[in-house]
Amino acid sequence: MSRPYAVEELLSFDRMKRAVGARVVEMAEQALETGAPLDQQKLGELTTQEWKVAKEAVRNSPAAREAAREHMQKVVSQLVDDMIKSDKAELEALGVQEKNI
């Protein structure tokens, strides 16, 4: 089982690459000590598995949640702007004004 990633390990692709790589090599060395054979396919599987753990750590980070929130706010704002444009005349006829009251 993989240990949790530190926030610092997830700040850049370079840091993620080093962190994932170090953990995979560590797991591979442990496997070699127990006599388990390690070929390129097994190293690929270990790397894929650890990459998934790192990605999940990024998804669950406070920075990712904030970035997702900011993205959603921008998308929703644009959607509402588009709706205002398409329904502006109707809403103005119903008393909605351009400026804040």
Protein backbone atom coordinates (compact mmCIF):
# COMPACT_ATOMS: atom_id res chain seq x y z
CA MET A 1 0.00 0.00 0.00
CA SER A 2 1.29 3.42 -0.93
CA ARG A 3 1.95 6.06 1.71
CA PRO A 4 0.17 9.42 1.41
CA TYR A 5 1.71 12.06 -0.83
CA ALA A 6 2.87 15.36 0.65
CA VAL A 7 1.38 18.48 -0.91
CA GLU A 8 4.87 19.50 -2.05
CA GLU A 9 5.15 16.32 -4.14
CA LEU A 10 2.09 17.32 -6.17
CA LEU A 11 2.90 20.94 -7.04
CA SER A 12 4.41 20.25 -10.47
CA PHE A 13 4.71 17.51 -13.06
CA ASP A 14 8.44 17.28 -12.38
CA ARG A 15 7.86 16.73 -8.66
CA MET A 16 5.11 14.19 -9.35
CA LYS A 17 7.42 12.32 -11.73
CA ARG A 18 10.18 12.17 -9.13
CA ALA A 19 7.82 11.14 -6.31
CA VAL A 20 6.06 8.43 -8.33
CA GLY A 21 9.36 7.20 -9.72
CA ALA A 22 10.99 6.99 -6.31
CA ARG A 23 8.05 5.05 -4.89
CA VAL A 24 7.96 2.60 -7.80
CA VAL A 25 11.72 1.98 -7.52
CA GLU A 26 11.31 1.48 -3.77
CA MET A 27 8.54 -1.08 -4.34
CA ALA A 28 10.59 -2.79 -7.05
CA GLU A 29 13.63 -3.05 -4.77
CA GLN A 30 11.47 -4.58 -2.03
CA ALA A 31 10.08 -7.09 -4.52
CA LEU A 32 13.60 -8.02 -5.66
CA GLU A 33 14.64 -8.62 -2.05
CA THR A 34 11.84 -11.16 -1.71
CA GLY A 35 12.90 -12.84 -4.92
CA ALA A 36 9.99 -11.66 -7.04
CA PRO A 37 10.94 -11.30 -10.70
CA LEU A 38 10.52 -7.83 -12.16
CA ASP A 39 10.25 -7.37 -15.89
CA GLN A 40 9.23 -4.29 -17.85
CA GLN A 41 5.57 -5.31 -17.74
CA LYS A 42 5.59 -5.59 -13.94
CA LEU A 43 7.37 -2.22 -13.63
CA GLY A 44 4.72 -0.76 -15.94
CA GLU A 45 1.96 -2.16 -13.74
CA LEU A 46 3.57 -0.77 -10.58
CA THR A 47 4.01 2.62 -12.24
CA THR A 48 0.40 2.72 -13.47
CA GLN A 49 -0.85 1.74 -10.03
CA GLU A 50 1.24 4.41 -8.28
CA TRP A 51 0.29 7.07 -10.85
CA LYS A 52 -3.38 6.43 -10.05
CA VAL A 53 -2.62 6.96 -6.35
CA ALA A 54 -0.83 10.24 -7.13
CA LYS A 55 -3.68 11.47 -9.35
CA GLU A 56 -6.22 10.68 -6.66
CA ALA A 57 -4.12 12.63 -4.15
CA VAL A 58 -4.16 15.61 -6.53
CA ARG A 59 -7.94 15.32 -6.98
CA ASN A 60 -8.44 15.30 -3.21
CA SER A 61 -6.12 18.21 -2.50
CA PRO A 62 -7.47 21.58 -1.30
CA ALA A 63 -5.83 23.28 -4.29
CA ALA A 64 -7.66 20.99 -6.71
CA ARG A 65 -10.99 21.63 -5.00
CA GLU A 66 -10.41 25.39 -5.21
CA ALA A 67 -9.39 25.17 -8.88
CA ALA A 68 -12.50 23.09 -9.65
CA ARG A 69 -14.69 25.62 -7.82
CA GLU A 70 -13.17 28.52 -9.78
CA HIS A 71 -13.68 26.64 -13.05
CA MET A 72 -17.32 25.88 -12.19
CA GLN A 73 -17.93 29.54 -11.28
CA LYS A 74 -16.56 30.67 -14.66
CA VAL A 75 -18.64 28.10 -16.56
CA VAL A 76 -21.83 28.97 -14.69
CA SER A 77 -21.20 32.70 -15.13
CA GLN A 78 -20.82 32.24 -18.88
CA LEU A 79 -23.97 30.10 -19.05
CA VAL A 80 -25.98 32.75 -17.17
CA ASP A 81 -24.55 35.52 -19.39
CA ASP A 82 -25.68 33.55 -22.44
CA MET A 83 -29.15 33.10 -20.95
CA ILE A 84 -29.37 36.81 -20.17
CA LYS A 85 -28.48 37.64 -23.78
CA SER A 86 -31.10 35.28 -25.19
CA ASP A 87 -33.87 36.37 -22.77
CA LYS A 88 -32.92 40.02 -22.24
CA ALA A 89 -35.79 41.64 -24.13
CA GLU A 90 -38.39 39.46 -22.44
CA LEU A 91 -36.93 40.06 -18.98
CA GLU A 92 -36.66 43.83 -19.55
CA ALA A 93 -40.33 43.87 -20.53
CA LEU A 94 -41.05 42.20 -17.20
CA GLY A 95 -39.18 44.92 -15.29
CA VAL A 96 -35.65 43.54 -14.94
CA GLN A 97 -33.19 46.42 -15.14
CA GLU A 98 -29.66 46.55 -16.55
CA LYS A 99 -27.93 47.95 -13.46
CA ASN A 100 -28.00 46.86 -9.84
CA ILE A 101 -30.62 48.58 -7.76
